[in-house]
Amino acid sequence: MDIKKVLVADAVDSSCVNLLSINSVEVDCKYKLSKEALIAEIPKYDGLIVRSDTKVTAEVIEAGKNLKVIGRAGAGVDNIDINTATAKKHSRT
């Protein structure tokens, strides 16, 4: 999977950002984005990393034209629209 640029939308341990960076992935950390701001930002990224603060709705996923992966740091995925993410994945194959 070719991932060049990742948005970290919630505070995560610095080792997460460091791991991506040493593997030549450009990382932008932008916390507490409004839904509208996230929708505006997400088209620029191949990946999105969240914790529990950011809601990854169908609108966010659909706006992520280059989005290949959504990572959830922590337990559970109740803040991610799994059905839309899965449907988008299958539409690419």
Protein backbone atom coordinates (compact mmCIF):
# COMPACT_ATOMS: atom_id res chain seq x y z
CA MET A 1 0.00 0.00 0.00
CA ASP A 2 1.44 3.34 -1.05
CA ILE A 3 0.91 5.79 1.80
CA LYS A 4 2.79 9.06 1.54
CA LYS A 5 0.84 11.46 3.73
CA VAL A 6 -1.12 10.84 6.96
CA LEU A 7 -3.29 13.11 9.06
CA VAL A 8 -3.22 12.49 12.80
CA ALA A 9 -6.47 14.06 14.01
CA ASP A 10 -6.24 13.19 17.72
CA ALA A 11 -3.30 13.22 20.13
CA VAL A 12 -1.38 9.95 19.95
CA ASP A 13 1.87 8.81 21.45
CA SER A 14 4.86 10.42 19.74
CA SER A 15 6.21 6.97 18.85
CA CYS A 16 3.32 6.64 16.35
CA VAL A 17 4.32 9.81 14.54
CA ASN A 18 8.01 8.90 14.74
CA LEU A 19 7.41 5.43 13.26
CA LEU A 20 5.57 6.91 10.30
CA SER A 21 8.19 9.62 9.80
CA ILE A 22 11.17 7.26 9.79
CA ASN A 23 9.35 5.25 7.12
CA SER A 24 9.17 8.30 4.84
CA VAL A 25 5.51 9.08 5.55
CA GLU A 26 4.71 12.78 5.84
CA VAL A 27 2.67 13.34 9.00
CA ASP A 28 0.49 16.33 9.85
CA CYS A 29 -0.95 16.55 13.35
CA LYS A 30 -4.10 18.67 13.41
CA TYR A 31 -6.18 18.15 16.52
CA LYS A 32 -9.75 19.12 17.36
CA LEU A 33 -10.78 19.84 13.77
CA SER A 34 -14.45 20.57 13.27
CA LYS A 35 -16.35 18.16 11.02
CA GLU A 36 -16.27 20.77 8.25
CA ALA A 37 -12.53 21.36 8.65
CA LEU A 38 -11.83 17.63 8.61
CA ILE A 39 -13.89 17.21 5.44
CA ALA A 40 -11.90 20.06 3.85
CA GLU A 41 -8.53 18.60 4.93
CA ILE A 42 -8.98 14.87 4.32
CA PRO A 43 -8.70 14.90 0.49
CA LYS A 44 -4.98 15.75 0.92
CA TYR A 45 -4.20 12.52 2.78
CA ASP A 46 -3.70 8.80 2.13
CA GLY A 47 -4.25 7.88 5.78
CA LEU A 48 -6.07 9.08 8.87
CA ILE A 49 -5.25 8.24 12.48
CA VAL A 50 -7.76 9.00 15.23
CA ARG A 51 -8.50 8.14 18.81
CA SER A 52 -11.96 8.69 20.28
CA ASP A 53 -12.41 12.46 19.81
CA THR A 54 -12.70 12.48 16.02
CA LYS A 55 -15.85 11.07 14.43
CA VAL A 56 -15.06 9.50 11.08
CA THR A 57 -18.47 9.79 9.46
CA ALA A 58 -19.61 8.75 5.99
CA GLU A 59 -19.13 12.35 4.86
CA VAL A 60 -15.51 12.35 6.03
CA ILE A 61 -14.79 9.01 4.37
CA GLU A 62 -16.41 10.05 1.09
CA ALA A 63 -14.42 13.31 1.09
CA GLY A 64 -11.21 11.30 1.49
CA LYS A 65 -10.66 10.73 -2.22
CA ASN A 66 -7.10 9.48 -1.62
CA LEU A 67 -7.83 7.77 1.69
CA LYS A 68 -6.44 4.23 1.81
CA VAL A 69 -6.41 3.54 5.55
CA ILE A 70 -8.04 4.71 8.76
CA GLY A 71 -6.18 3.82 11.94
CA ARG A 72 -7.77 3.88 15.38
CA ALA A 73 -5.36 4.26 18.28
CA GLY A 74 -7.12 2.67 21.24
CA ALA A 75 -9.94 0.22 21.69
CA GLY A 76 -13.08 -0.03 19.60
CA VAL A 77 -14.20 1.60 16.39
CA ASP A 78 -17.52 3.11 17.46
CA ASN A 79 -16.41 6.52 16.16
CA ILE A 80 -15.75 5.23 12.62
CA ASP A 81 -18.46 4.49 10.06
CA ILE A 82 -17.28 0.95 9.32
CA ASN A 83 -19.99 0.26 6.71
CA THR A 84 -18.99 3.25 4.59
CA ALA A 85 -15.28 2.53 4.99
CA THR A 86 -15.81 -1.08 3.93
CA ALA A 87 -17.97 -0.08 0.97
CA LYS A 88 -15.32 2.41 -0.18
CA LYS A 89 -12.62 -0.24 0.10
CA HIS A 90 -14.62 -2.65 -2.04
CA SER A 91 -15.39 0.01 -4.64
CA ARG A 92 -11.64 0.44 -5.24
CA THR A 93 -10.94 -3.23 -5.98
